[in-house]
C-alpha atoms as a PDB file:
ATOM      1  CA  UNK A   1      -0.088   0.010  -0.316  1.00  0.00           C
ATOM      2  CA  UNK A   2       3.006   2.405   1.031  1.00  0.00           C
ATOM      3  CA  UNK A   3       4.703   2.130  -2.545  1.00  0.00           C
ATOM      4  CA  UNK A   4       1.076   2.479  -4.397  1.00  0.00           C
ATOM      5  CA  UNK A   5       0.372   5.460  -2.335  1.00  0.00           C
ATOM      6  CA  UNK A   6       4.125   6.855  -3.020  1.00  0.00           C
ATOM      7  CA  UNK A   7       3.486   6.688  -6.910  1.00  0.00           C
ATOM      8  CA  UNK A   8       0.144   7.911  -7.110  1.00  0.00           C
ATOM      9  CA  UNK A   9       0.828  11.501  -5.033  1.00  0.00           C
ATOM     10  CA  UNK A  10       3.535  12.199  -7.178  1.00  0.00           C
ATOM     11  CA  UNK A  11       3.732  14.830  -9.956  1.00  0.00           C
ATOM     12  CA  UNK A  12       3.750  13.415 -13.973  1.00  0.00           C
ATOM     13  CA  UNK A  13       6.749  15.471 -13.124  1.00  0.00           C
ATOM     14  CA  UNK A  14       8.116  14.034 -10.818  1.00  0.00           C
ATOM     15  CA  UNK A  15       6.723  10.284 -11.796  1.00  0.00           C
ATOM     16  CA  UNK A  16       8.715  11.567 -15.591  1.00  0.00           C
ATOM     17  CA  UNK A  17      12.505  12.525 -13.575  1.00  0.00           C
ATOM     18  CA  UNK A  18      11.963   9.373 -11.685  1.00  0.00           C
ATOM     19  CA  UNK A  19      11.046   7.292 -14.965  1.00  0.00           C
ATOM     20  CA  UNK A  20      14.543   9.287 -16.264  1.00  0.00           C
ATOM     21  CA  UNK A  21      16.781   7.588 -13.257  1.00  0.00           C
ATOM     22  CA  UNK A  22      15.421   4.035 -14.513  1.00  0.00           C
ATOM     23  CA  UNK A  23      11.940   3.793 -12.077  1.00  0.00           C
ATOM     24  CA  UNK A  24      10.032   1.172 -13.919  1.00  0.00           C
ATOM     25  CA  UNK A  25       6.771   1.458 -11.771  1.00  0.00           C
ATOM     26  CA  UNK A  26       7.106   5.662 -11.989  1.00  0.00           C
ATOM     27  CA  UNK A  27       6.302   4.885 -15.761  1.00  0.00           C
ATOM     28  CA  UNK A  28       3.693   2.234 -15.858  1.00  0.00           C
ATOM     29  CA  UNK A  29       2.151   5.041 -13.450  1.00  0.00           C
ATOM     30  CA  UNK A  30       2.737   7.590 -16.039  1.00  0.00           C
ATOM     31  CA  UNK A  31       1.403   5.203 -18.709  1.00  0.00           C
ATOM     32  CA  UNK A  32      -1.838   4.067 -16.482  1.00  0.00           C
ATOM     33  CA  UNK A  33      -2.391   7.893 -15.745  1.00  0.00           C
ATOM     34  CA  UNK A  34      -2.090   8.818 -19.499  1.00  0.00           C
ATOM     35  CA  UNK A  35      -3.100   6.089 -21.865  1.00  0.00           C
ATOM     36  CA  UNK A  36      -6.633   5.946 -22.203  1.00  0.00           C
ATOM     37  CA  UNK A  37      -6.478   9.869 -22.813  1.00  0.00           C
ATOM     38  CA  UNK A  38      -4.005   9.930 -25.232  1.00  0.00           C
ATOM     39  CA  UNK A  39      -5.947   6.823 -27.075  1.00  0.00           C
ATOM     40  CA  UNK A  40      -8.810   8.808 -27.135  1.00  0.00           C
ATOM     41  CA  UNK A  41      -6.931  11.565 -28.680  1.00  0.00           C
ATOM     42  CA  UNK A  42      -5.578   9.682 -31.751  1.00  0.00           C
ATOM     43  CA  UNK A  43      -8.724   8.024 -31.899  1.00  0.00           C
ATOM     44  CA  UNK A  44     -10.670  11.849 -32.748  1.00  0.00           C
ATOM     45  CA  UNK A  45      -7.212  12.565 -34.909  1.00  0.00           C
ATOM     46  CA  UNK A  46      -7.048   9.565 -36.971  1.00  0.00           C
ATOM     47  CA  UNK A  47     -11.027   8.980 -37.443  1.00  0.00           C
ATOM     48  CA  UNK A  48     -12.356   6.498 -35.153  1.00  0.00           C
ATOM     49  CA  UNK A  49     -10.122   3.760 -36.285  1.00  0.00           C
ATOM     50  CA  UNK A  50      -9.412   1.636 -32.374  1.00  0.00           C
ATOM     51  CA  UNK A  51      -6.732  -0.560 -33.870  1.00  0.00           C
ATOM     52  CA  UNK A  52      -5.048   2.582 -35.326  1.00  0.00           C
ATOM     53  CA  UNK A  53      -5.137   4.479 -32.357  1.00  0.00           C
ATOM     54  CA  UNK A  54      -4.221   1.855 -30.241  1.00  0.00           C
ATOM     55  CA  UNK A  55      -1.123   1.515 -32.176  1.00  0.00           C
ATOM     56  CA  UNK A  56      -0.273   5.293 -32.630  1.00  0.00           C
ATOM     57  CA  UNK A  57      -0.782   5.548 -28.122  1.00  0.00           C
ATOM     58  CA  UNK A  58       1.689   2.430 -27.745  1.00  0.00           C
ATOM     59  CA  UNK A  59       4.263   3.813 -30.267  1.00  0.00           C
ATOM     60  CA  UNK A  60       3.868   7.266 -28.793  1.00  0.00           C
ATOM     61  CA  UNK A  61       5.053   5.274 -24.973  1.00  0.00           C
ATOM     62  CA  UNK A  62       7.476   3.607 -27.237  1.00  0.00           C
ATOM     63  CA  UNK A  63       9.038   6.777 -27.830  1.00  0.00           C
ATOM     64  CA  UNK A  64       8.676   8.634 -24.574  1.00  0.00           C
ATOM     65  CA  UNK A  65      10.426   5.773 -22.813  1.00  0.00           C
ATOM     66  CA  UNK A  66      12.956   5.259 -25.471  1.00  0.00           C
ATOM     67  CA  UNK A  67      14.086   9.351 -24.836  1.00  0.00           C
ATOM     68  CA  UNK A  68      13.199   9.682 -21.189  1.00  0.00           C
ATOM     69  CA  UNK A  69      16.712  10.263 -20.966  1.00  0.00           C
ATOM     70  CA  UNK A  70      16.390  13.713 -22.620  1.00  0.00           C
ATOM     71  CA  UNK A  71      13.482  14.799 -20.335  1.00  0.00           C
ATOM     72  CA  UNK A  72      14.384  18.288 -19.025  1.00  0.00           C
ATOM     73  CA  UNK A  73      13.598  18.459 -15.085  1.00  0.00           C
ATOM     74  CA  UNK A  74      10.449  20.921 -14.376  1.00  0.00           C
ATOM     75  CA  UNK A  75       9.385  20.527 -18.003  1.00  0.00           C
ATOM     76  CA  UNK A  76       5.511  20.055 -18.219  1.00  0.00           C
ATOM     77  CA  UNK A  77       4.604  16.578 -18.793  1.00  0.00           C
ATOM     78  CA  UNK A  78       1.651  16.165 -20.864  1.00  0.00           C
ATOM     79  CA  UNK A  79       2.886  19.242 -23.313  1.00  0.00           C
ATOM     80  CA  UNK A  80       5.749  17.142 -23.981  1.00  0.00           C
ATOM     81  CA  UNK A  81       4.092  13.734 -24.167  1.00  0.00           C
ATOM     82  CA  UNK A  82       1.681  15.366 -26.422  1.00  0.00           C
ATOM     83  CA  UNK A  83       4.279  16.545 -28.712  1.00  0.00           C
ATOM     84  CA  UNK A  84       5.131  13.441 -29.606  1.00  0.00           C
ATOM     85  CA  UNK A  85       1.877  12.192 -29.694  1.00  0.00           C
ATOM     86  CA  UNK A  86       1.363  15.263 -32.211  1.00  0.00           C
ATOM     87  CA  UNK A  87       4.783  14.589 -34.559  1.00  0.00           C
ATOM     88  CA  UNK A  88       3.100  11.196 -34.644  1.00  0.00           C
ATOM     89  CA  UNK A  89      -0.021  12.152 -36.222  1.00  0.00           C
ATOM     90  CA  UNK A  90       1.394  14.953 -37.965  1.00  0.00           C
ATOM     91  CA  UNK A  91       3.734  12.479 -40.132  1.00  0.00           C
ATOM     92  CA  UNK A  92       1.239  10.440 -40.859  1.00  0.00           C
ATOM     93  CA  UNK A  93      -0.532  12.864 -42.483  1.00  0.00           C
ATOM     94  CA  UNK A  94       1.847  13.656 -44.177  1.00  0.00           C
ATOM     95  CA  UNK A  95       2.061  10.654 -45.903  1.00  0.00           C
ATOM     96  CA  UNK A  96      -1.669  11.030 -46.871  1.00  0.00           C
ATOM     97  CA  UNK A  97      -0.303  13.916 -49.800  1.00  0.00           C
ATOM     98  CA  UNK A  98       0.963  13.504 -53.070  1.00  0.00           C
ATOM     99  CA  UNK A  99       3.012  15.891 -55.421  1.00  0.00           C
ATOM    100  CA  UNK A 100       1.029  17.150 -58.426  1.00  0.00           C
ATOM    101  CA  UNK A 101       3.159  19.874 -60.364  1.00  0.00           C
ATOM    102  CA  UNK A 102       5.502  20.916 -57.444  1.00  0.00           C
ATOM    103  CA  UNK A 103       2.109  21.038 -55.277  1.00  0.00           C
ATOM    104  CA  UNK A 104       1.206  19.511 -52.574  1.00  0.00           C
ATOM    105  CA  UNK A 105      -2.495  18.028 -52.836  1.00  0.00           C
ATOM    106  CA  UNK A 106      -4.435  16.200 -50.292  1.00  0.00           C
ATOM    107  CA  UNK A 107      -5.952  13.029 -50.329  1.00  0.00           C
ATOM    108  CA  UNK A 108      -9.220  13.886 -48.658  1.00  0.00           C
ATOM    109  CA  UNK A 109     -12.279  12.409 -48.117  1.00  0.00           C
ATOM    110  CA  UNK A 110     -15.208  13.725 -48.584  1.00  0.00           C
ATOM    111  CA  UNK A 111     -17.673  13.629 -45.810  1.00  0.00           C
ATOM    112  CA  UNK A 112     -21.028  14.728 -45.402  1.00  0.00           C
ATOM    113  CA  UNK A 113     -21.695  16.597 -41.767  1.00  0.00           C
ATOM    114  CA  UNK A 114     -25.251  14.331 -40.617  1.00  0.00           C
ATOM    115  CA  UNK A 115     -27.454  16.860 -38.339  1.00  0.00           C
ATOM    116  CA  UNK A 116     -29.812  15.306 -35.752  1.00  0.00           C
ATOM    117  CA  UNK A 117     -30.941  16.863 -32.426  1.00  0.00           C
ATOM    118  CA  UNK A 118     -29.455  14.968 -29.984  1.00  0.00           C
ATOM    119  CA  UNK A 119     -26.481  15.268 -28.596  1.00  0.00           C
ATOM    120  CA  UNK A 120     -24.568  12.533 -29.635  1.00  0.00           C
ATOM    121  CA  UNK A 121     -25.290  13.485 -33.317  1.00  0.00           C
ATOM    122  CA  UNK A 122     -23.705  16.879 -32.592  1.00  0.00           C
ATOM    123  CA  UNK A 123     -20.579  15.224 -31.441  1.00  0.00           C
ATOM    124  CA  UNK A 124     -21.023  13.042 -34.734  1.00  0.00           C
ATOM    125  CA  UNK A 125     -21.032  16.563 -37.018  1.00  0.00           C
ATOM    126  CA  UNK A 126     -17.825  17.707 -35.414  1.00  0.00           C
ATOM    127  CA  UNK A 127     -16.274  15.263 -35.267  1.00  0.00           C
ATOM    128  CA  UNK A 128     -16.958  15.004 -39.017  1.00  0.00           C
ATOM    129  CA  UNK A 129     -16.152  18.447 -39.592  1.00  0.00           C
ATOM    130  CA  UNK A 130     -13.118  18.121 -37.751  1.00  0.00           C
ATOM    131  CA  UNK A 131     -12.357  15.439 -40.292  1.00  0.00           C
ATOM    132  CA  UNK A 132     -12.820  17.575 -43.483  1.00  0.00           C
ATOM    133  CA  UNK A 133     -10.344  20.443 -41.676  1.00  0.00           C
ATOM    134  CA  UNK A 134      -7.296  20.540 -42.828  1.00  0.00           C
ATOM    135  CA  UNK A 135      -5.109  18.751 -40.315  1.00  0.00           C
ATOM    136  CA  UNK A 136      -3.298  21.856 -38.473  1.00  0.00           C
ATOM    137  CA  UNK A 137      -6.373  23.043 -37.582  1.00  0.00           C
ATOM    138  CA  UNK A 138      -8.154  20.237 -36.220  1.00  0.00           C
ATOM    139  CA  UNK A 139      -4.827  19.629 -33.767  1.00  0.00           C
ATOM    140  CA  UNK A 140      -5.028  23.015 -32.951  1.00  0.00           C
ATOM    141  CA  UNK A 141      -8.774  22.359 -31.913  1.00  0.00           C
ATOM    142  CA  UNK A 142      -7.856  19.039 -30.412  1.00  0.00           C
ATOM    143  CA  UNK A 143      -5.055  20.189 -28.018  1.00  0.00           C
ATOM    144  CA  UNK A 144      -6.158  23.078 -26.867  1.00  0.00           C
ATOM    145  CA  UNK A 145     -10.003  22.396 -26.290  1.00  0.00           C
ATOM    146  CA  UNK A 146     -10.208  18.072 -25.796  1.00  0.00           C
ATOM    147  CA  UNK A 147      -6.696  17.826 -24.367  1.00  0.00           C
ATOM    148  CA  UNK A 148      -6.955  21.435 -22.536  1.00  0.00           C
ATOM    149  CA  UNK A 149      -3.283  22.526 -23.324  1.00  0.00           C
ATOM    150  CA  UNK A 150      -2.418  26.194 -23.189  1.00  0.00           C
ATOM    151  CA  UNK A 151      -1.760  28.426 -25.989  1.00  0.00           C
ATOM    152  CA  UNK A 152       2.035  29.050 -25.162  1.00  0.00           C
ATOM    153  CA  UNK A 153       2.250  25.182 -24.697  1.00  0.00           C
ATOM    154  CA  UNK A 154       0.818  24.199 -28.250  1.00  0.00           C
ATOM    155  CA  UNK A 155       3.114  27.451 -29.668  1.00  0.00           C
ATOM    156  CA  UNK A 156       5.947  25.827 -28.348  1.00  0.00           C
ATOM    157  CA  UNK A 157       5.041  22.337 -29.265  1.00  0.00           C
ATOM    158  CA  UNK A 158       4.039  23.334 -33.221  1.00  0.00           C
ATOM    159  CA  UNK A 159       7.092  26.076 -33.505  1.00  0.00           C
ATOM    160  CA  UNK A 160       4.549  28.822 -33.651  1.00  0.00           C
ATOM    161  CA  UNK A 161       4.165  32.192 -32.880  1.00  0.00           C
ATOM    162  CA  UNK A 162       1.488  32.488 -29.564  1.00  0.00           C
ATOM    163  CA  UNK A 163      -0.473  34.851 -32.160  1.00  0.00           C
ATOM    164  CA  UNK A 164      -0.272  32.469 -34.591  1.00  0.00           C
ATOM    165  CA  UNK A 165      -2.026  29.722 -33.044  1.00  0.00           C
ATOM    166  CA  UNK A 166      -4.659  32.312 -31.360  1.00  0.00           C
ATOM    167  CA  UNK A 167      -5.442  33.277 -35.256  1.00  0.00           C
ATOM    168  CA  UNK A 168      -5.897  29.689 -36.617  1.00  0.00           C
ATOM    169  CA  UNK A 169      -7.791  28.416 -33.304  1.00  0.00           C
ATOM    170  CA  UNK A 170     -10.282  31.220 -33.977  1.00  0.00           C
ATOM    171  CA  UNK A 171      -9.998  30.453 -37.987  1.00  0.00           C
ATOM    172  CA  UNK A 172     -11.319  26.640 -36.289  1.00  0.00           C
ATOM    173  CA  UNK A 173     -13.778  28.012 -34.236  1.00  0.00           C
ATOM    174  CA  UNK A 174     -15.535  30.285 -36.899  1.00  0.00           C
ATOM    175  CA  UNK A 175     -14.959  27.340 -39.850  1.00  0.00           C
ATOM    176  CA  UNK A 176     -17.074  24.607 -37.159  1.00  0.00           C
ATOM    177  CA  UNK A 177     -19.680  27.403 -36.653  1.00  0.00           C
ATOM    178  CA  UNK A 178     -20.086  27.706 -40.170  1.00  0.00           C
ATOM    179  CA  UNK A 179     -20.798  24.464 -40.553  1.00  0.00           C
ATOM    180  CA  UNK A 180     -22.578  23.767 -37.617  1.00  0.00           C
ATOM    181  CA  UNK A 181     -25.380  26.795 -38.240  1.00  0.00           C
ATOM    182  CA  UNK A 182     -27.904  23.648 -38.580  1.00  0.00           C
ATOM    183  CA  UNK A 183     -27.069  23.017 -34.570  1.00  0.00           C
ATOM    184  CA  UNK A 184     -27.227  26.970 -34.116  1.00  0.00           C
ATOM    185  CA  UNK A 185     -30.850  27.134 -32.261  1.00  0.00           C
ATOM    186  CA  UNK A 186     -31.546  23.747 -30.746  1.00  0.00           C
END
Protein backbone atom coordinates (compact mmCIF):
# COMPACT_ATOMS: atom_id res chain seq x y z
CA UNK A 1 0.00 0.00 0.00
CA UNK A 2 2.71 2.59 0.78
CA UNK A 3 4.37 1.94 -2.60
CA UNK A 4 1.07 2.52 -4.45
CA UNK A 5 0.40 5.67 -2.47
CA UNK A 6 3.89 6.96 -3.14
CA UNK A 7 3.56 6.72 -6.92
CA UNK A 8 -0.04 7.87 -7.11
CA UNK A 9 0.63 10.97 -5.04
CA UNK A 10 3.50 12.15 -7.25
CA UNK A 11 3.07 14.67 -10.07
CA UNK A 12 3.62 13.65 -13.67
CA UNK A 13 6.84 15.65 -13.70
CA UNK A 14 8.13 13.89 -10.59
CA UNK A 15 7.22 10.51 -12.06
CA UNK A 16 8.97 11.33 -15.33
CA UNK A 17 12.08 12.33 -13.41
CA UNK A 18 11.96 8.97 -11.60
CA UNK A 19 11.41 7.17 -14.93
CA UNK A 20 14.42 9.04 -16.33
CA UNK A 21 16.42 7.67 -13.41
CA UNK A 22 15.32 4.14 -14.33
CA UNK A 23 12.12 3.51 -12.36
CA UNK A 24 9.82 1.20 -14.31
CA UNK A 25 7.10 1.69 -11.67
CA UNK A 26 7.09 5.45 -12.24
CA UNK A 27 6.83 4.96 -15.99
CA UNK A 28 4.01 2.45 -15.46
CA UNK A 29 2.13 5.01 -13.37
CA UNK A 30 2.50 7.59 -16.17
CA UNK A 31 1.19 5.03 -18.64
CA UNK A 32 -1.79 4.23 -16.42
CA UNK A 33 -2.60 7.93 -16.02
CA UNK A 34 -2.38 8.94 -19.67
CA UNK A 35 -2.81 5.95 -21.99
CA UNK A 36 -6.60 6.00 -22.22
CA UNK A 37 -6.86 9.73 -22.87
CA UNK A 38 -3.99 9.63 -25.36
CA UNK A 39 -5.69 6.79 -27.23
CA UNK A 40 -8.87 8.91 -27.37
CA UNK A 41 -6.82 11.78 -28.79
CA UNK A 42 -5.53 9.50 -31.54
CA UNK A 43 -8.99 8.07 -32.23
CA UNK A 44 -10.34 11.59 -32.76
CA UNK A 45 -7.41 12.62 -34.93
CA UNK A 46 -7.23 9.42 -37.00
CA UNK A 47 -10.89 8.91 -37.82
CA UNK A 48 -12.11 6.71 -34.96
CA UNK A 49 -9.95 3.76 -35.98
CA UNK A 50 -9.54 2.10 -32.58
CA UNK A 51 -6.78 -0.26 -33.63
CA UNK A 52 -4.76 2.48 -35.28
CA UNK A 53 -5.30 4.74 -32.25
CA UNK A 54 -4.05 1.98 -29.95
CA UNK A 55 -0.98 1.47 -32.15
CA UNK A 56 -0.22 5.20 -32.11
CA UNK A 57 -0.72 5.38 -28.34
CA UNK A 58 1.70 2.49 -27.78
CA UNK A 59 4.18 4.01 -30.23
CA UNK A 60 4.01 7.29 -28.32
CA UNK A 61 4.85 5.58 -25.04
CA UNK A 62 7.64 3.58 -26.68
CA UNK A 63 9.14 6.82 -27.98
CA UNK A 64 8.66 8.47 -24.61
CA UNK A 65 10.40 5.57 -22.89
CA UNK A 66 13.29 5.46 -25.33
CA UNK A 67 13.85 9.22 -25.03
CA UNK A 68 13.24 9.51 -21.28
CA UNK A 69 16.89 10.46 -20.75
CA UNK A 70 16.17 13.70 -22.69
CA UNK A 71 13.52 14.86 -20.23
CA UNK A 72 14.46 18.13 -18.55
CA UNK A 73 13.51 18.37 -14.90
CA UNK A 74 10.66 20.82 -14.39
CA UNK A 75 9.39 20.59 -17.97
CA UNK A 76 5.65 20.10 -18.41
CA UNK A 77 5.16 16.36 -18.90
CA UNK A 78 1.81 16.53 -20.70
CA UNK A 79 3.14 19.06 -23.17
CA UNK A 80 6.09 16.77 -23.90
CA UNK A 81 3.85 13.71 -24.24
CA UNK A 82 1.49 15.49 -26.63
CA UNK A 83 4.41 16.87 -28.61
CA UNK A 84 5.40 13.30 -29.37
CA UNK A 85 1.77 12.44 -30.19
CA UNK A 86 1.39 15.54 -32.37
CA UNK A 87 4.51 14.65 -34.35
CA UNK A 88 3.25 11.11 -34.94
CA UNK A 89 -0.08 12.41 -36.29
CA UNK A 90 1.66 15.08 -38.36
CA UNK A 91 3.93 12.47 -39.95
CA UNK A 92 0.96 10.20 -40.57
CA UNK A 93 -0.91 12.93 -42.42
CA UNK A 94 2.17 13.96 -44.35
CA UNK A 95 2.09 10.52 -45.91
CA UNK A 96 -1.49 11.21 -47.08
CA UNK A 97 -0.33 13.95 -49.47
CA UNK A 98 0.96 13.62 -53.00
CA UNK A 99 2.92 16.05 -55.14
CA UNK A 100 1.30 17.25 -58.37
CA UNK A 101 3.16 19.79 -60.51
CA UNK A 102 5.39 20.81 -57.58
CA UNK A 103 2.32 21.41 -55.39
CA UNK A 104 1.26 19.37 -52.37
CA UNK A 105 -2.27 18.03 -52.82
CA UNK A 106 -4.24 16.30 -50.08
CA UNK A 107 -5.86 12.94 -50.51
CA UNK A 108 -9.03 13.95 -48.68
CA UNK A 109 -12.19 12.08 -47.84
CA UNK A 110 -15.45 13.83 -48.65
CA UNK A 111 -17.60 13.49 -45.57
CA UNK A 112 -21.06 14.91 -45.16
CA UNK A 113 -22.07 16.43 -41.87
CA UNK A 114 -25.20 14.64 -40.72
CA UNK A 115 -27.40 16.80 -38.55
CA UNK A 116 -29.73 15.56 -35.83
CA UNK A 117 -31.13 17.06 -32.62
CA UNK A 118 -29.52 14.93 -29.97
CA UNK A 119 -26.13 15.61 -28.44
CA UNK A 120 -24.58 12.39 -29.74
CA UNK A 121 -25.29 13.45 -33.31
CA UNK A 122 -23.81 16.89 -32.66
CA UNK A 123 -20.60 15.30 -31.39
CA UNK A 124 -20.48 13.06 -34.44
CA UNK A 125 -21.09 16.06 -36.70
CA UNK A 126 -18.26 17.94 -34.96
CA UNK A 127 -15.97 14.94 -35.40
CA UNK A 128 -16.76 14.91 -39.11
CA UNK A 129 -16.21 18.65 -39.45
CA UNK A 130 -12.82 18.28 -37.77
CA UNK A 131 -11.96 15.35 -40.04
CA UNK A 132 -12.73 17.43 -43.12
CA UNK A 133 -10.59 20.37 -41.99
CA UNK A 134 -6.95 20.82 -42.82
CA UNK A 135 -5.05 18.79 -40.24
CA UNK A 136 -3.21 21.71 -38.59
CA UNK A 137 -6.53 23.37 -37.71
CA UNK A 138 -8.16 20.19 -36.45
CA UNK A 139 -5.01 19.42 -34.45
CA UNK A 140 -5.09 22.85 -32.81
CA UNK A 141 -8.72 22.37 -31.83
CA UNK A 142 -7.97 18.97 -30.35
CA UNK A 143 -4.88 20.06 -28.44
CA UNK A 144 -6.53 23.16 -26.98
CA UNK A 145 -10.16 22.19 -26.42
CA UNK A 146 -9.98 18.44 -25.94
CA UNK A 147 -6.54 17.91 -24.41
CA UNK A 148 -6.65 21.26 -22.58
CA UNK A 149 -3.15 22.38 -23.47
CA UNK A 150 -2.51 26.10 -23.18
CA UNK A 151 -1.75 28.38 -26.12
CA UNK A 152 1.89 28.84 -24.99
CA UNK A 153 2.31 25.05 -24.72
CA UNK A 154 0.85 24.53 -28.20
CA UNK A 155 2.97 27.35 -29.64
CA UNK A 156 6.14 25.81 -28.27
CA UNK A 157 5.13 22.32 -29.37
CA UNK A 158 4.33 23.40 -32.92
CA UNK A 159 7.17 25.95 -33.17
CA UNK A 160 4.73 28.77 -33.90
CA UNK A 161 4.27 32.23 -32.41
CA UNK A 162 1.45 32.40 -29.84
CA UNK A 163 -0.35 34.94 -32.02
CA UNK A 164 -0.41 32.47 -34.90
CA UNK A 165 -1.87 29.79 -32.64
CA UNK A 166 -4.57 32.19 -31.42
CA UNK A 167 -5.35 33.28 -34.97
CA UNK A 168 -5.62 29.70 -36.23
CA UNK A 169 -7.79 28.71 -33.28
CA UNK A 170 -10.10 31.65 -34.06
CA UNK A 171 -10.28 30.62 -37.71
CA UNK A 172 -10.94 27.01 -36.71
CA UNK A 173 -13.82 28.01 -34.45
CA UNK A 174 -15.28 30.22 -37.17
CA UNK A 175 -15.17 27.34 -39.67
CA UNK A 176 -16.74 24.95 -37.17
CA UNK A 177 -19.50 27.44 -36.38
CA UNK A 178 -20.25 27.90 -40.09
CA UNK A 179 -20.45 24.17 -40.75
CA UNK A 180 -22.56 23.45 -37.67
CA UNK A 181 -24.94 26.42 -38.22
CA UNK A 182 -27.94 24.07 -38.31
CA UNK A 183 -27.39 23.29 -34.61
CA UNK A 184 -27.24 26.94 -33.54
CA UNK A 185 -30.72 27.36 -32.01
CA UNK A 186 -31.47 23.84 -30.88
